[in-house]
Amino acid sequence: MGLPLVLGCGFLAALPCVVLLVLRLYIRGHPVAPIKNRLDGRVIIITGGSSGIGRAAALECARRGAKVILACRDAAKAEAVVLSIRRKTSNEEVHFRQLDLASLVSVREFVGQFTKQFGRVHTIVNNAGNSVSPLKNHMDGHDMCFQVNYLGHFLLTSLLIKHANPGKSAANLLRVVNLTSDAYKNNKLDFNDLMDRKPGRYGMYETYGRSKLAMVLFTTELNYIYADKGVYAVAVHPGAVSTGLLRNWPGIFGSILRLAAQILFRSPEVGALSIVQCTAVHNPEDYCGKLVFDCAAQEVEEIGKDYRSAERLWYISRDICRLEEETE
């Protein structure tokens, strides 16, 4: 075998590895470490804090001295995570309280129990996500993906704002960190069918993207209504992260995505960095209404700061959750 042939075979053998390496570097990007501020005295609620990005964020916040409440559905799993975080951080102020975002009753019960035991909250991290397929109606009669990703968080945040009594002083500020995704850019909301109930309209990928657009519009409206009252809301895009959320993505595409995630995507620890940044910065007003990626604030795309859509979504959501009497 001649030298050119040997070199050619070697090149062809190495090419897939080079392509994978380039893809991995492109997808993972260049994460920036968050600011190193301590979080002593802060009370932080993290939904979906028992796994993935939420668990990683909870661990880092606990390391910095925060009182962390994991708001999760699976009690056994969450209790094990609480013990693990306490052991790793020597912070005993890590707690679990049950919250099922698929049930608006559960959301109300959580808020009642939380305010009774812990008083006020300083940061709400709306992290929990769902990508259930196909359309799945549960006790509230709403699409599971849309309710868990957006509507449950809308109700949770609205009720907690009422009880927190936020203000402009540093001690009374309330931060809301809403997890979203780049998928929000390529979607739009049908206000006549938010839950995708029309026959033939349901698509898991589209519904997931619309739920993430709803979170961005929610961030926009929160800031419009509350920024001058001491509530600072920000949307966070964690990047492409390998988490359990991918297990529900169906078909060949889902299988390929799960395989690619193991090789190419970011770890949950990297995905959590921007959450920690938004929680720890001393100037949260500079992040107000922005999208944070790799710990840097950037402008939201026009579709995510359409004030008419944000306002319309807000009032429809209040009506669905029957919030008028509770928050007036």
Protein backbone atom coordinates (compact mmCIF):
# COMPACT_ATOMS: atom_id res chain seq x y z
CA MET A 1 0.00 0.00 0.00
CA GLY A 2 1.48 3.33 -1.09
CA LEU A 3 1.98 6.29 1.21
CA PRO A 4 -0.68 8.47 -0.50
CA LEU A 5 -3.24 5.71 -0.06
CA VAL A 6 -2.33 5.29 3.60
CA LEU A 7 -2.61 9.03 4.19
CA GLY A 8 -5.92 9.14 2.34
CA CYS A 9 -7.37 6.30 4.42
CA GLY A 10 -6.14 7.97 7.59
CA PHE A 11 -7.75 11.25 6.58
CA LEU A 12 -11.10 9.57 5.83
CA ALA A 13 -10.97 7.72 9.15
CA ALA A 14 -10.24 10.92 11.07
CA LEU A 15 -12.75 13.12 9.24
CA PRO A 16 -15.86 12.06 11.24
CA CYS A 17 -14.01 12.74 14.50
CA VAL A 18 -12.97 16.19 13.29
CA VAL A 19 -16.52 17.00 12.19
CA LEU A 20 -17.90 15.89 15.56
CA LEU A 21 -15.31 17.97 17.39
CA VAL A 22 -16.15 21.08 15.37
CA LEU A 23 -19.88 20.52 15.91
CA ARG A 24 -19.33 20.02 19.63
CA LEU A 25 -17.35 23.25 19.93
CA TYR A 26 -19.98 25.14 17.92
CA ILE A 27 -22.97 23.83 19.89
CA ARG A 28 -21.38 24.11 23.31
CA GLY A 29 -19.99 27.57 22.57
CA HIS A 30 -17.78 29.37 25.04
CA PRO A 31 -19.57 29.49 28.40
CA VAL A 32 -18.67 32.33 30.75
CA ALA A 33 -18.46 31.78 34.50
CA PRO A 34 -21.06 33.76 36.48
CA ILE A 35 -20.23 36.53 38.92
CA LYS A 36 -18.95 35.17 42.26
CA ASN A 37 -21.27 37.08 44.60
CA ARG A 38 -22.53 35.28 47.69
CA LEU A 39 -26.25 34.64 48.21
CA ASP A 40 -26.43 34.54 52.00
CA GLY A 41 -29.88 35.43 53.32
CA ARG A 42 -31.59 34.93 49.97
CA VAL A 43 -34.57 32.60 49.64
CA ILE A 44 -34.67 30.99 46.21
CA ILE A 45 -37.41 28.78 44.76
CA ILE A 46 -36.34 26.54 41.87
CA THR A 47 -39.03 24.58 40.05
CA GLY A 48 -37.85 21.27 38.66
CA GLY A 49 -34.86 21.45 40.99
CA SER A 50 -34.43 17.70 41.37
CA SER A 51 -32.75 17.08 38.02
CA GLY A 52 -30.91 18.64 35.10
CA ILE A 53 -30.38 22.38 34.97
CA GLY A 54 -32.53 23.00 38.05
CA ARG A 55 -30.50 20.63 40.18
CA ALA A 56 -27.23 22.18 39.01
CA ALA A 57 -28.53 25.69 39.77
CA ALA A 58 -29.74 24.59 43.21
CA LEU A 59 -26.33 23.13 44.05
CA GLU A 60 -24.49 26.31 43.08
CA CYS A 61 -26.94 28.61 44.90
CA ALA A 62 -26.62 26.46 48.03
CA ARG A 63 -22.82 26.66 47.78
CA ARG A 64 -23.17 30.44 47.87
CA GLY A 65 -25.20 30.38 51.07
CA ALA A 66 -28.77 30.73 49.80
CA LYS A 67 -31.80 29.08 51.34
CA VAL A 68 -32.97 26.92 48.43
CA ILE A 69 -36.42 25.39 48.03
CA LEU A 70 -36.75 22.65 45.43
CA ALA A 71 -40.31 22.83 44.08
CA CYS A 72 -40.79 19.43 42.47
CA ARG A 73 -43.39 16.76 41.75
CA ASP A 74 -41.45 13.60 42.66
CA ALA A 75 -41.00 13.63 46.46
CA ALA A 76 -38.63 10.66 46.76
CA LYS A 77 -36.32 11.95 44.04
CA ALA A 78 -36.30 15.50 45.39
CA GLU A 79 -35.63 14.44 48.99
CA ALA A 80 -32.59 12.46 47.81
CA VAL A 81 -31.31 15.52 45.94
CA VAL A 82 -31.82 17.70 49.03
CA LEU A 83 -29.66 15.35 51.10
CA SER A 84 -27.01 15.24 48.37
CA ILE A 85 -26.82 19.04 48.11
CA ARG A 86 -26.68 19.46 51.89
CA ARG A 87 -23.83 16.97 52.05
CA LYS A 88 -21.87 18.61 49.23
CA THR A 89 -22.32 22.20 50.44
CA SER A 90 -22.67 21.88 54.24
CA ASN A 91 -25.73 24.08 53.80
CA GLU A 92 -28.66 22.70 55.80
CA GLU A 93 -31.04 25.32 54.39
CA VAL A 94 -31.94 23.26 51.33
CA HIS A 95 -35.54 22.05 51.36
CA PHE A 96 -38.13 20.27 49.24
CA ARG A 97 -41.76 21.27 48.90
CA GLN A 98 -44.08 19.41 46.57
CA LEU A 99 -45.32 21.22 43.48
CA ASP A 100 -47.04 19.73 40.45
CA LEU A 101 -47.26 22.43 37.80
CA ALA A 102 -49.72 20.26 35.89
CA SER A 103 -52.26 21.06 38.62
CA LEU A 104 -53.31 24.63 39.38
CA VAL A 105 -54.63 23.37 42.73
CA SER A 106 -51.13 22.10 43.56
CA VAL A 107 -49.66 25.50 42.65
CA ARG A 108 -52.00 27.27 45.06
CA GLU A 109 -51.28 24.76 47.81
CA PHE A 110 -47.54 25.20 47.33
CA VAL A 111 -47.76 28.99 47.61
CA GLY A 112 -49.87 28.73 50.76
CA GLN A 113 -47.45 26.31 52.42
CA PHE A 114 -44.38 28.23 51.31
CA THR A 115 -45.53 31.63 52.57
CA LYS A 116 -46.62 30.12 55.88
CA GLN A 117 -43.24 28.47 56.50
CA PHE A 118 -40.69 30.67 54.74
CA GLY A 119 -42.35 34.08 54.48
CA ARG A 120 -41.04 35.86 51.44
CA VAL A 121 -39.02 34.81 48.42
CA HIS A 122 -36.15 36.76 46.84
CA THR A 123 -35.75 34.82 43.58
CA ILE A 124 -38.15 32.59 41.63
CA VAL A 125 -36.45 30.35 39.08
CA ASN A 126 -39.14 29.05 36.72
CA ASN A 127 -37.10 26.17 35.37
CA ALA A 128 -39.32 23.06 35.20
CA GLY A 129 -40.13 21.88 31.70
CA ASN A 130 -42.17 19.24 29.91
CA SER A 131 -42.38 18.01 26.34
CA VAL A 132 -45.08 15.35 26.63
CA SER A 133 -46.46 14.01 23.37
CA PRO A 134 -49.12 13.62 22.17
CA LEU A 135 -51.71 16.07 23.53
CA LYS A 136 -52.44 15.05 27.10
CA ASN A 137 -55.33 16.51 29.05
CA HIS A 138 -55.21 16.19 32.83
CA MET A 139 -57.23 17.43 35.77
CA ASP A 140 -57.27 21.07 34.62
CA GLY A 141 -58.16 20.18 31.02
CA HIS A 142 -55.18 22.04 29.56
CA ASP A 143 -52.38 20.86 27.32
CA MET A 144 -49.72 19.33 29.58
CA CYS A 145 -46.71 20.89 27.84
CA PHE A 146 -48.17 24.40 27.77
CA GLN A 147 -49.37 24.26 31.38
CA VAL A 148 -46.16 22.88 32.91
CA ASN A 149 -43.85 25.08 30.85
CA TYR A 150 -45.84 28.31 31.09
CA LEU A 151 -49.29 28.45 32.70
CA GLY A 152 -48.31 26.83 36.01
CA HIS A 153 -45.34 29.18 36.28
CA PHE A 154 -47.57 32.15 35.47
CA LEU A 155 -49.88 31.30 38.37
CA LEU A 156 -47.01 30.48 40.73
CA THR A 157 -45.24 33.77 40.04
CA SER A 158 -48.41 35.87 40.21
CA LEU A 159 -49.35 34.48 43.63
CA LEU A 160 -45.82 34.75 45.02
CA ILE A 161 -45.55 38.39 43.91
CA LYS A 162 -48.70 39.16 45.87
CA HIS A 163 -47.32 37.55 49.04
CA ALA A 164 -43.77 38.90 48.63
CA ASN A 165 -44.83 42.55 48.78
CA PRO A 166 -41.75 43.60 46.76
CA GLY A 167 -40.18 47.05 46.84
CA LYS A 168 -37.32 49.03 45.32
CA SER A 169 -34.97 48.63 48.26
CA ALA A 170 -32.25 45.99 47.88
CA ALA A 171 -33.77 43.89 50.66
CA ASN A 172 -37.22 43.83 49.06
CA LEU A 173 -36.36 43.20 45.41
CA LEU A 174 -37.89 40.13 43.79
CA ARG A 175 -36.15 38.48 40.86
CA VAL A 176 -37.98 36.23 38.40
CA VAL A 177 -35.83 34.03 36.18
CA ASN A 178 -37.82 32.41 33.36
CA LEU A 179 -36.22 29.54 31.46
CA THR A 180 -36.87 29.68 27.74
CA SER A 181 -35.27 28.41 24.55
CA ASP A 182 -34.14 29.66 21.16
CA ALA A 183 -37.23 27.84 19.89
CA TYR A 184 -39.33 30.88 20.86
CA LYS A 185 -38.03 32.80 17.84
CA ASN A 186 -39.69 30.59 15.24
CA ASN A 187 -43.18 30.39 16.73
CA LYS A 188 -46.29 32.45 17.24
CA LEU A 189 -49.29 32.17 19.53
CA ASP A 190 -52.83 31.55 18.34
CA PHE A 191 -54.83 33.31 21.03
CA ASN A 192 -57.98 31.53 19.88
CA ASP A 193 -56.34 28.14 20.50
CA LEU A 194 -53.50 28.51 23.01
CA MET A 195 -53.73 24.84 23.98
CA ASP A 196 -53.60 23.51 20.38
CA ARG A 197 -56.95 21.79 20.73
CA LYS A 198 -58.02 22.11 17.09
CA PRO A 199 -57.98 18.71 15.32
CA GLY A 200 -54.74 18.02 13.48
CA ARG A 201 -52.96 21.05 14.90
CA TYR A 202 -51.01 19.45 17.70
CA GLY A 203 -47.29 19.00 17.15
CA MET A 204 -45.01 18.47 20.10
CA TYR A 205 -42.14 20.50 18.67
CA GLU A 206 -44.40 23.43 17.81
CA THR A 207 -46.23 23.38 21.14
CA TYR A 208 -42.94 23.28 23.04
CA GLY A 209 -41.71 26.30 21.08
CA ARG A 210 -44.92 28.21 21.71
CA SER A 211 -44.70 27.52 25.43
CA LYS A 212 -41.20 29.01 25.40
CA LEU A 213 -42.44 32.05 23.47
CA ALA A 214 -45.12 32.44 26.13
CA MET A 215 -42.39 32.53 28.79
CA VAL A 216 -40.59 35.33 26.95
CA LEU A 217 -43.81 37.33 26.54
CA PHE A 218 -44.53 36.71 30.23
CA THR A 219 -41.12 38.19 31.05
CA THR A 220 -41.89 41.23 28.89
CA GLU A 221 -45.23 41.88 30.59
CA LEU A 222 -43.88 41.27 34.09
CA ASN A 223 -41.34 44.01 33.55
CA TYR A 224 -43.88 46.37 32.04
CA ILE A 225 -46.18 46.01 35.06
CA TYR A 226 -43.78 45.49 37.95
CA ALA A 227 -40.26 46.78 37.18
CA ASP A 228 -40.91 50.09 38.94
CA LYS A 229 -42.33 48.17 41.91
CA GLY A 230 -39.20 46.12 42.57
CA VAL A 231 -39.85 42.99 40.49
CA TYR A 232 -37.15 42.30 37.92
CA ALA A 233 -37.85 39.55 35.39
CA VAL A 234 -35.39 38.06 32.94
CA ALA A 235 -35.54 35.24 30.40
CA VAL A 236 -32.66 32.75 30.28
CA HIS A 237 -31.65 30.61 27.31
CA PRO A 238 -29.36 27.87 28.69
CA GLY A 239 -28.20 26.67 25.29
CA ALA A 240 -28.49 23.12 23.97
CA VAL A 241 -28.31 21.05 27.16
CA SER A 242 -28.44 17.30 27.63
CA THR A 243 -31.32 16.81 30.09
CA GLY A 244 -34.14 14.37 30.79
CA LEU A 245 -36.50 16.62 28.83
CA LEU A 246 -35.33 14.92 25.64
CA ARG A 247 -36.67 11.52 26.65
CA ASN A 248 -40.19 12.43 25.49
CA TRP A 249 -39.22 13.54 21.99
CA PRO A 250 -40.69 10.90 19.66
CA GLY A 251 -39.68 9.12 16.48
CA ILE A 252 -36.38 8.86 14.69
CA PHE A 253 -35.65 12.54 15.25
CA GLY A 254 -36.02 12.05 19.00
CA SER A 255 -33.67 9.06 18.98
CA ILE A 256 -31.06 10.96 16.98
CA LEU A 257 -31.43 13.99 19.24
CA ARG A 258 -30.88 11.95 22.39
CA LEU A 259 -27.76 10.33 20.92
CA ALA A 260 -26.42 13.69 19.73
CA ALA A 261 -27.11 15.26 23.11
CA GLN A 262 -24.82 12.81 24.88
CA ILE A 263 -21.94 13.73 22.58
CA LEU A 264 -22.50 17.33 21.55
CA PHE A 265 -24.70 19.20 24.02
CA ARG A 266 -23.78 21.15 27.13
CA SER A 267 -23.90 19.66 30.59
CA PRO A 268 -26.64 20.80 33.02
CA GLU A 269 -23.91 22.50 35.08
CA VAL A 270 -23.01 24.73 32.13
CA GLY A 271 -26.69 25.30 31.32
CA ALA A 272 -27.24 26.58 34.87
CA LEU A 273 -24.53 29.27 34.75
CA SER A 274 -26.80 32.03 33.43
CA ILE A 275 -29.41 31.25 36.10
CA VAL A 276 -26.79 31.75 38.79
CA GLN A 277 -25.66 34.98 37.10
CA CYS A 278 -29.19 36.43 37.14
CA THR A 279 -29.64 35.40 40.76
CA ALA A 280 -26.34 36.82 42.01
CA VAL A 281 -25.81 40.13 40.17
CA HIS A 282 -26.03 43.34 42.19
CA ASN A 283 -27.62 45.23 39.28
CA PRO A 284 -30.66 43.13 38.26
CA GLU A 285 -32.27 46.19 36.68
CA ASP A 286 -29.71 45.97 33.86
CA TYR A 287 -31.07 42.52 32.98
CA CYS A 288 -34.72 43.56 33.13
CA GLY A 289 -36.72 42.23 30.18
CA LYS A 290 -33.60 40.88 28.51
CA LEU A 291 -32.62 37.41 27.31
CA VAL A 292 -29.52 36.11 29.08
CA PHE A 293 -27.27 33.62 27.32
CA ASP A 294 -23.79 32.69 28.51
CA CYS A 295 -24.19 35.17 31.39
CA ALA A 296 -24.60 38.11 29.00
CA ALA A 297 -27.81 40.11 28.54
CA GLN A 298 -29.05 40.59 25.00
CA GLU A 299 -32.17 42.04 23.42
CA VAL A 300 -35.19 39.82 22.93
CA GLU A 301 -36.34 39.26 19.34
CA GLU A 302 -39.28 41.42 18.25
CA ILE A 303 -41.75 38.53 18.53
CA GLY A 304 -40.86 38.20 22.22
CA LYS A 305 -41.36 41.87 23.08
CA ASP A 306 -44.59 42.48 21.19
CA TYR A 307 -46.38 44.40 23.93
CA ARG A 308 -49.86 43.78 22.53
CA SER A 309 -49.29 40.02 22.46
CA ALA A 310 -47.69 40.10 25.91
CA GLU A 311 -50.65 42.00 27.37
CA ARG A 312 -53.20 39.76 25.67
CA LEU A 313 -51.46 36.61 26.91
CA TRP A 314 -51.35 38.09 30.42
CA TYR A 315 -55.08 38.71 30.64
CA ILE A 316 -56.04 35.40 29.01
CA SER A 317 -53.77 33.62 31.49
CA ARG A 318 -55.32 35.48 34.43
CA ASP A 319 -58.74 34.46 33.20
CA ILE A 320 -57.77 30.79 32.78
CA CYS A 321 -56.23 30.75 36.27
CA ARG A 322 -59.13 32.72 37.76
CA LEU A 323 -56.74 35.20 39.29
CA GLU A 324 -58.82 38.37 39.42
CA GLU A 325 -59.99 38.08 43.02
CA GLU A 326 -56.74 36.58 44.34
CA THR A 327 -54.34 39.27 43.15
CA GLU A 328 -56.38 42.44 43.13
